[in-house]
């Protein structure tokens, strides 16, 4: 099997070198989220952009349909195992696949797909660092050809430690053994803007805006020393006990993933995601909040 680099990322050069690898499945996860000040709906998939041009061999996964539980009242919650197994198996993504995921917006949609795969126990997946922006900046090829791969077998093996519920967050709000990180904008964290009926943040949550962790030019992750500075500036002790549980959240568990990945790039440890995030917490009047 093709050897993947360690860590959550691969470079554009690595992907270009392995485009013809038969076990490789590239996933285009492009989506769009409007600012909270805009009228709803705020969430969109971008299959039309995929159809207009994508990395050769790439499949499209719709972050609003393919990897979510459409029966859950909270938006964008992770798909149940039977659905995910069916969707991925039909696309030719199976237990023996190598998966590289990209988008063109700070890797938040790619990060969400990576988190979903990891939650279901699939470890042979990486994010394309810089995504489509870096790929295009380097004048690498695009195509409109939609690939068709033979069906595969994807076997979900849930990893509950990677996904947190509202009840779990509430139960550990005052625990020094848990670190909460809010990845939304400062205006949302302070309660000036909100996608929910209430504005603010979960009490005791630190604030690390996901976009501050990647280059504004090509959306590559900043070097570890710069990432460390961002977390330290937010009052986070990265050298705290290794058994501390770190949980990132945003509005729907999507833009929280680059912040979680940045934490992993610094420490080598994974952060969990509060899947419901502010779309759940901010709309539940029984939950405490801070501003």
Protein backbone atom coordinates (compact mmCIF):
# COMPACT_ATOMS: atom_id res chain seq x y z
CA UNK A 1 0.00 0.00 0.00
CA UNK A 2 1.08 3.56 -0.69
CA UNK A 3 2.88 5.10 2.28
CA UNK A 4 1.25 8.26 3.56
CA UNK A 5 3.28 10.97 5.30
CA UNK A 6 2.79 11.16 9.06
CA UNK A 7 0.46 13.80 10.43
CA UNK A 8 -2.82 15.07 8.97
CA UNK A 9 -1.43 16.81 5.86
CA UNK A 10 0.07 16.06 2.46
CA UNK A 11 1.67 18.57 0.12
CA UNK A 12 0.60 19.41 -3.41
CA UNK A 13 3.91 17.96 -4.64
CA UNK A 14 3.18 14.67 -2.88
CA UNK A 15 -0.29 14.45 -4.40
CA UNK A 16 0.93 15.34 -7.89
CA UNK A 17 3.51 12.56 -7.66
CA UNK A 18 0.90 9.95 -6.73
CA UNK A 19 -2.08 10.89 -8.91
CA UNK A 20 -1.94 7.56 -10.73
CA UNK A 21 -1.85 5.43 -7.58
CA UNK A 22 -4.73 2.89 -8.00
CA UNK A 23 -5.73 2.92 -4.34
CA UNK A 24 -5.85 6.74 -4.16
CA UNK A 25 -9.23 8.43 -3.81
CA UNK A 26 -9.19 12.22 -3.95
CA UNK A 27 -12.19 13.99 -2.42
CA UNK A 28 -13.30 17.48 -3.44
CA UNK A 29 -15.24 18.86 -0.48
CA UNK A 30 -15.84 22.44 -1.57
CA UNK A 31 -18.67 24.29 0.16
CA UNK A 32 -19.70 27.77 1.19
CA UNK A 33 -20.84 29.40 4.43
CA UNK A 34 -22.30 32.90 4.42
CA UNK A 35 -21.54 35.34 7.28
CA UNK A 36 -23.94 35.20 10.24
CA UNK A 37 -25.15 38.71 9.36
CA UNK A 38 -26.57 37.46 6.05
CA UNK A 39 -30.14 36.09 5.72
CA UNK A 40 -30.45 32.33 6.06
CA UNK A 41 -29.74 29.81 4.63
CA UNK A 42 -26.05 30.18 5.36
CA UNK A 43 -24.81 26.77 4.20
CA UNK A 44 -24.25 25.68 0.60
CA UNK A 45 -22.56 22.88 -1.33
CA UNK A 46 -20.64 23.68 -4.50
CA UNK A 47 -21.01 20.77 -6.89
CA UNK A 48 -21.20 23.21 -9.82
CA UNK A 49 -17.68 24.41 -9.08
CA UNK A 50 -16.49 20.81 -8.94
CA UNK A 51 -18.11 20.13 -12.30
CA UNK A 52 -16.38 23.18 -13.79
CA UNK A 53 -12.95 21.89 -12.81
CA UNK A 54 -11.30 19.71 -10.18
CA UNK A 55 -8.10 17.83 -9.46
CA UNK A 56 -7.83 14.80 -11.77
CA UNK A 57 -9.41 11.72 -10.23
CA UNK A 58 -11.31 13.67 -7.57
CA UNK A 59 -14.78 12.66 -6.42
CA UNK A 60 -17.22 15.16 -4.93
CA UNK A 61 -18.67 14.77 -1.45
CA UNK A 62 -21.51 17.10 -0.51
CA UNK A 63 -20.85 18.25 3.06
CA UNK A 64 -24.56 19.03 3.54
CA UNK A 65 -25.92 15.70 2.34
CA UNK A 66 -23.41 12.89 1.98
CA UNK A 67 -21.75 12.96 5.41
CA UNK A 68 -24.56 14.25 7.63
CA UNK A 69 -27.61 12.90 9.42
CA UNK A 70 -30.49 14.55 7.56
CA UNK A 71 -32.93 13.37 10.24
CA UNK A 72 -31.15 15.22 13.06
CA UNK A 73 -32.79 18.58 13.93
CA UNK A 74 -29.35 20.08 14.55
CA UNK A 75 -27.73 20.97 11.19
CA UNK A 76 -24.72 19.08 9.79
CA UNK A 77 -24.52 16.37 12.46
CA UNK A 78 -22.38 13.38 11.49
CA UNK A 79 -24.03 10.71 9.35
CA UNK A 80 -24.93 7.41 11.02
CA UNK A 81 -22.58 4.52 10.22
CA UNK A 82 -24.87 2.70 7.80
CA UNK A 83 -25.38 5.80 5.67
CA UNK A 84 -21.70 6.71 5.60
CA UNK A 85 -20.71 3.16 4.72
CA UNK A 86 -23.19 3.15 1.85
CA UNK A 87 -22.16 6.56 0.48
CA UNK A 88 -18.44 5.88 0.60
CA UNK A 89 -18.71 2.31 -0.66
CA UNK A 90 -20.75 3.45 -3.66
CA UNK A 91 -18.07 6.03 -4.50
CA UNK A 92 -15.31 3.45 -4.37
CA UNK A 93 -13.87 4.50 -1.03
CA UNK A 94 -13.17 1.40 1.03
CA UNK A 95 -11.07 0.04 3.85
CA UNK A 96 -8.03 -0.30 1.58
CA UNK A 97 -8.24 3.16 0.04
CA UNK A 98 -5.89 6.10 0.50
CA UNK A 99 -7.90 9.33 0.76
CA UNK A 100 -6.73 12.91 0.19
CA UNK A 101 -9.30 15.65 0.75
CA UNK A 102 -9.28 19.28 -0.36
CA UNK A 103 -11.39 22.41 -0.55
CA UNK A 104 -10.61 26.06 -1.26
CA UNK A 105 -11.55 27.70 2.05
CA UNK A 106 -9.03 27.26 4.88
CA UNK A 107 -9.49 23.45 4.78
CA UNK A 108 -12.62 23.64 6.93
CA UNK A 109 -14.74 21.40 4.67
CA UNK A 110 -11.82 19.06 4.03
CA UNK A 111 -11.20 19.04 7.77
CA UNK A 112 -14.78 18.03 8.40
CA UNK A 113 -14.51 15.09 5.98
CA UNK A 114 -11.23 14.04 7.59
CA UNK A 115 -12.83 14.19 11.04
CA UNK A 116 -15.80 12.10 9.86
CA UNK A 117 -13.46 9.46 8.45
CA UNK A 118 -11.36 9.42 11.62
CA UNK A 119 -14.46 9.21 13.79
CA UNK A 120 -15.38 6.05 11.92
CA UNK A 121 -11.93 4.59 12.44
CA UNK A 122 -10.47 5.27 8.99
CA UNK A 123 -6.87 6.44 9.36
CA UNK A 124 -5.55 6.40 5.78
CA UNK A 125 -6.75 9.93 5.04
CA UNK A 126 -5.00 13.29 4.80
CA UNK A 127 -5.83 16.90 3.89
CA UNK A 128 -4.16 18.59 0.94
CA UNK A 129 -2.31 21.47 2.59
CA UNK A 130 -3.35 24.65 0.80
CA UNK A 131 -6.08 22.80 -1.06
CA UNK A 132 -7.18 23.90 -4.49
CA UNK A 133 -5.73 27.41 -4.05
CA UNK A 134 -2.18 26.15 -3.78
CA UNK A 135 -2.73 23.52 -6.47
CA UNK A 136 -3.89 26.18 -8.94
CA UNK A 137 -1.21 28.67 -7.91
CA UNK A 138 1.35 26.07 -8.94
CA UNK A 139 -0.37 25.66 -12.35
CA UNK A 140 -1.16 22.01 -11.69
CA UNK A 141 -3.79 20.27 -13.85
CA UNK A 142 -7.55 20.40 -13.50
CA UNK A 143 -10.17 18.36 -15.32
CA UNK A 144 -13.93 18.19 -15.82
CA UNK A 145 -13.86 14.39 -16.13
CA UNK A 146 -15.88 12.71 -13.39
CA UNK A 147 -14.20 9.45 -12.34
CA UNK A 148 -16.09 6.24 -11.66
CA UNK A 149 -14.51 3.73 -9.32
CA UNK A 150 -15.70 0.18 -8.62
CA UNK A 151 -17.73 -0.23 -5.41
CA UNK A 152 -15.68 -0.87 -2.31
CA UNK A 153 -16.36 -1.92 1.27
CA UNK A 154 -16.11 0.74 3.97
CA UNK A 155 -16.39 -0.62 7.50
CA UNK A 156 -17.30 2.00 10.12
CA UNK A 157 -15.59 1.60 13.49
CA UNK A 158 -16.81 4.51 15.64
CA UNK A 159 -14.32 6.28 17.90
CA UNK A 160 -16.60 7.96 20.49
CA UNK A 161 -13.77 9.97 22.08
CA UNK A 162 -13.55 12.16 18.96
CA UNK A 163 -17.15 13.42 19.15
CA UNK A 164 -18.68 15.27 22.07
CA UNK A 165 -22.33 15.92 22.86
CA UNK A 166 -23.90 18.90 24.61
CA UNK A 167 -24.44 16.84 27.76
CA UNK A 168 -20.78 15.85 27.83
CA UNK A 169 -19.70 19.46 27.42
CA UNK A 170 -22.06 20.61 30.18
CA UNK A 171 -20.86 17.92 32.56
CA UNK A 172 -17.24 19.05 32.21
CA UNK A 173 -17.63 22.83 32.00
CA UNK A 174 -15.72 23.48 35.22
CA UNK A 175 -13.20 20.66 34.89
CA UNK A 176 -9.53 21.57 34.57
CA UNK A 177 -9.12 18.30 32.69
CA UNK A 178 -11.09 19.71 29.73
CA UNK A 179 -10.09 22.56 27.43
CA UNK A 180 -12.76 24.08 25.18
CA UNK A 181 -11.70 26.08 22.13
CA UNK A 182 -14.12 28.28 20.17
CA UNK A 183 -13.00 28.54 16.53
CA UNK A 184 -15.54 31.13 15.38
CA UNK A 185 -14.88 34.80 14.64
CA UNK A 186 -14.24 37.19 17.52
CA UNK A 187 -17.57 38.92 16.85
CA UNK A 188 -19.38 35.61 17.28
CA UNK A 189 -17.34 34.65 20.35
CA UNK A 190 -18.18 37.98 22.00
CA UNK A 191 -21.86 37.67 21.10
CA UNK A 192 -22.05 40.58 18.62
CA UNK A 193 -23.02 38.21 15.81
CA UNK A 194 -24.71 34.81 16.00
CA UNK A 195 -26.23 32.13 13.81
CA UNK A 196 -28.36 31.02 16.79
CA UNK A 197 -31.04 32.80 18.80
CA UNK A 198 -28.44 33.65 21.45
CA UNK A 199 -25.00 35.19 21.05
CA UNK A 200 -21.88 34.48 23.06
CA UNK A 201 -19.76 31.45 23.80
CA UNK A 202 -19.66 28.41 26.03
CA UNK A 203 -18.34 29.40 29.48
CA UNK A 204 -14.58 28.93 29.97
CA UNK A 205 -13.95 28.45 26.25
CA UNK A 206 -10.77 29.96 24.83
CA UNK A 207 -10.91 31.69 21.46
CA UNK A 208 -8.73 30.67 18.49
CA UNK A 209 -10.23 31.82 15.18
CA UNK A 210 -9.65 29.12 12.59
CA UNK A 211 -8.62 31.53 9.82
CA UNK A 212 -5.82 32.93 11.98
CA UNK A 213 -4.03 29.58 11.78
CA UNK A 214 -3.61 29.41 8.00
CA UNK A 215 -2.06 31.62 5.35
CA UNK A 216 -4.44 34.18 3.90
CA UNK A 217 -2.72 33.81 0.52
CA UNK A 218 -2.73 30.07 -0.15
CA UNK A 219 -4.55 28.66 2.91
CA UNK A 220 -1.65 26.48 4.02
CA UNK A 221 -1.26 25.88 7.74
CA UNK A 222 1.20 28.19 9.46
CA UNK A 223 4.47 26.70 10.77
CA UNK A 224 4.20 25.02 14.18
CA UNK A 225 6.03 27.84 15.96
CA UNK A 226 3.51 30.38 14.62
CA UNK A 227 0.60 28.13 15.55
CA UNK A 228 2.02 27.82 19.05
CA UNK A 229 2.09 31.61 19.35
CA UNK A 230 -1.58 31.83 18.35
CA UNK A 231 -2.66 29.33 21.00
CA UNK A 232 -0.43 30.85 23.67
CA UNK A 233 -1.88 34.30 22.92
CA UNK A 234 -5.32 32.83 23.58
CA UNK A 235 -4.21 31.81 27.07
CA UNK A 236 -3.85 28.12 26.23
CA UNK A 237 -1.09 26.20 27.97
CA UNK A 238 0.00 23.74 25.30
CA UNK A 239 2.32 21.99 27.74
CA UNK A 240 -0.47 21.08 30.16
CA UNK A 241 -1.06 17.46 31.09
CA UNK A 242 -1.24 15.17 28.10
CA UNK A 243 -4.39 13.45 29.34
CA UNK A 244 -6.31 16.74 29.23
CA UNK A 245 -9.27 16.50 26.88
CA UNK A 246 -9.33 19.22 24.22
CA UNK A 247 -12.60 19.96 22.42
CA UNK A 248 -13.04 22.42 19.56
CA UNK A 249 -16.37 23.85 18.44
CA UNK A 250 -17.76 26.44 16.03
CA UNK A 251 -21.30 26.69 14.67
CA UNK A 252 -21.69 23.27 13.09
CA UNK A 253 -18.49 21.35 13.83
CA UNK A 254 -16.93 22.33 10.49
CA UNK A 255 -14.70 25.40 10.90
CA UNK A 256 -13.65 23.94 14.25
CA UNK A 257 -11.69 21.28 12.39
CA UNK A 258 -8.79 23.51 11.20
CA UNK A 259 -8.35 24.70 14.79
CA UNK A 260 -8.36 21.09 15.99
CA UNK A 261 -5.82 20.17 13.31
CA UNK A 262 -3.59 23.10 14.25
CA UNK A 263 -3.58 21.84 17.83
CA UNK A 264 -2.61 18.42 16.51
CA UNK A 265 0.20 19.88 14.38
CA UNK A 266 1.68 21.54 17.47
CA UNK A 267 1.23 18.80 20.04
CA UNK A 268 0.78 15.56 18.11
CA UNK A 269 -2.47 15.03 20.04
CA UNK A 270 -5.97 15.08 18.59
CA UNK A 271 -8.78 17.33 19.72
CA UNK A 272 -12.37 16.17 19.81
CA UNK A 273 -15.18 18.09 18.08
CA UNK A 274 -18.40 19.19 19.76
CA UNK A 275 -20.58 18.22 16.83
CA UNK A 276 -23.64 20.28 17.75
CA UNK A 277 -21.53 23.38 18.43
CA UNK A 278 -23.25 26.77 18.59
CA UNK A 279 -26.09 25.71 16.30
CA UNK A 280 -27.16 23.49 19.18
CA UNK A 281 -25.84 25.27 22.29
CA UNK A 282 -26.87 28.77 21.21
CA UNK A 283 -30.42 27.65 20.49
CA UNK A 284 -30.86 25.80 23.80
CA UNK A 285 -32.05 28.34 26.36
CA UNK A 286 -31.23 25.96 29.19
CA UNK A 287 -27.49 26.02 28.45
CA UNK A 288 -25.22 28.59 30.16
CA UNK A 289 -23.33 31.11 28.06
CA UNK A 290 -20.74 33.83 28.41
CA UNK A 291 -20.08 37.00 26.41
